[in-house]
């Protein structure tokens, strides 16, 4: 299921959707990593923001 683009608040920040440009922009800024590094982490540990954050810190 894709994100509801009409919903402007309370986005699900527990998951990273690599198919949405605005989410990629948000997460690369939040995690201070380039897009390819974010993609590699998502490919390795899945789309859970907590797991990706943990992977990038390690």
C-alpha atoms as a PDB file:
ATOM      1  CA  UNK A   1       0.000   0.000   0.000  1.00  0.00           C
ATOM      2  CA  UNK A   2       1.387   3.398  -0.879  1.00  0.00           C
ATOM      3  CA  UNK A   3       1.418   6.510   1.271  1.00  0.00           C
ATOM      4  CA  UNK A   4      -1.680   8.688   1.253  1.00  0.00           C
ATOM      5  CA  UNK A   5      -0.361  11.929  -0.238  1.00  0.00           C
ATOM      6  CA  UNK A   6      -3.379  13.887   0.999  1.00  0.00           C
ATOM      7  CA  UNK A   7      -2.457  13.133   4.596  1.00  0.00           C
ATOM      8  CA  UNK A   8      -0.220  15.989   5.719  1.00  0.00           C
ATOM      9  CA  UNK A   9       0.457  15.079   9.342  1.00  0.00           C
ATOM     10  CA  UNK A  10       1.292  12.049  11.474  1.00  0.00           C
ATOM     11  CA  UNK A  11       3.193  10.244   8.737  1.00  0.00           C
ATOM     12  CA  UNK A  12       4.437   6.801   9.574  1.00  0.00           C
ATOM     13  CA  UNK A  13       8.070   7.540  10.369  1.00  0.00           C
ATOM     14  CA  UNK A  14       8.701   3.966  11.496  1.00  0.00           C
ATOM     15  CA  UNK A  15       9.132   2.804   7.885  1.00  0.00           C
ATOM     16  CA  UNK A  16      11.259   4.099   5.013  1.00  0.00           C
ATOM     17  CA  UNK A  17       9.604   4.031   1.588  1.00  0.00           C
ATOM     18  CA  UNK A  18      12.371   4.156  -1.027  1.00  0.00           C
ATOM     19  CA  UNK A  19       9.766   4.601  -3.790  1.00  0.00           C
ATOM     20  CA  UNK A  20       8.760   8.102  -2.647  1.00  0.00           C
ATOM     21  CA  UNK A  21      11.114  10.997  -3.404  1.00  0.00           C
ATOM     22  CA  UNK A  22       9.888  13.081  -0.467  1.00  0.00           C
ATOM     23  CA  UNK A  23      10.641  10.230   1.930  1.00  0.00           C
ATOM     24  CA  UNK A  24      14.108   9.698   0.478  1.00  0.00           C
ATOM     25  CA  UNK A  25      14.780  13.414   0.896  1.00  0.00           C
ATOM     26  CA  UNK A  26      13.490  13.343   4.484  1.00  0.00           C
ATOM     27  CA  UNK A  27      15.508  10.280   5.515  1.00  0.00           C
ATOM     28  CA  UNK A  28      18.766  11.289   3.829  1.00  0.00           C
ATOM     29  CA  UNK A  29      18.532  14.620   5.662  1.00  0.00           C
ATOM     30  CA  UNK A  30      17.546  13.037   9.007  1.00  0.00           C
ATOM     31  CA  UNK A  31      20.253  10.370   8.857  1.00  0.00           C
ATOM     32  CA  UNK A  32      22.834  12.591   7.105  1.00  0.00           C
ATOM     33  CA  UNK A  33      23.671   9.986   4.466  1.00  0.00           C
ATOM     34  CA  UNK A  34      23.575   9.964   0.660  1.00  0.00           C
ATOM     35  CA  UNK A  35      20.747   8.178  -1.146  1.00  0.00           C
ATOM     36  CA  UNK A  36      22.891   5.195  -2.176  1.00  0.00           C
ATOM     37  CA  UNK A  37      24.001   4.569   1.406  1.00  0.00           C
ATOM     38  CA  UNK A  38      20.384   4.753   2.582  1.00  0.00           C
ATOM     39  CA  UNK A  39      19.348   2.320  -0.176  1.00  0.00           C
ATOM     40  CA  UNK A  40      22.110  -0.119   0.781  1.00  0.00           C
ATOM     41  CA  UNK A  41      21.013  -0.056   4.428  1.00  0.00           C
ATOM     42  CA  UNK A  42      17.341  -0.598   3.489  1.00  0.00           C
ATOM     43  CA  UNK A  43      18.337  -3.482   1.201  1.00  0.00           C
ATOM     44  CA  UNK A  44      20.369  -5.059   4.001  1.00  0.00           C
ATOM     45  CA  UNK A  45      18.053  -4.698   7.029  1.00  0.00           C
ATOM     46  CA  UNK A  46      14.634  -3.863   5.587  1.00  0.00           C
ATOM     47  CA  UNK A  47      12.566  -0.685   5.672  1.00  0.00           C
ATOM     48  CA  UNK A  48      12.273  -0.291   9.448  1.00  0.00           C
ATOM     49  CA  UNK A  49      13.611   3.164  10.324  1.00  0.00           C
ATOM     50  CA  UNK A  50      14.972   1.881  13.644  1.00  0.00           C
ATOM     51  CA  UNK A  51      16.850  -0.985  11.966  1.00  0.00           C
ATOM     52  CA  UNK A  52      18.243   1.311   9.268  1.00  0.00           C
ATOM     53  CA  UNK A  53      19.330   3.870  11.858  1.00  0.00           C
ATOM     54  CA  UNK A  54      21.034   1.112  13.875  1.00  0.00           C
ATOM     55  CA  UNK A  55      22.766  -0.227  10.737  1.00  0.00           C
ATOM     56  CA  UNK A  56      24.086   3.202   9.778  1.00  0.00           C
ATOM     57  CA  UNK A  57      25.443   3.915  13.264  1.00  0.00           C
ATOM     58  CA  UNK A  58      27.241   0.577  13.494  1.00  0.00           C
END
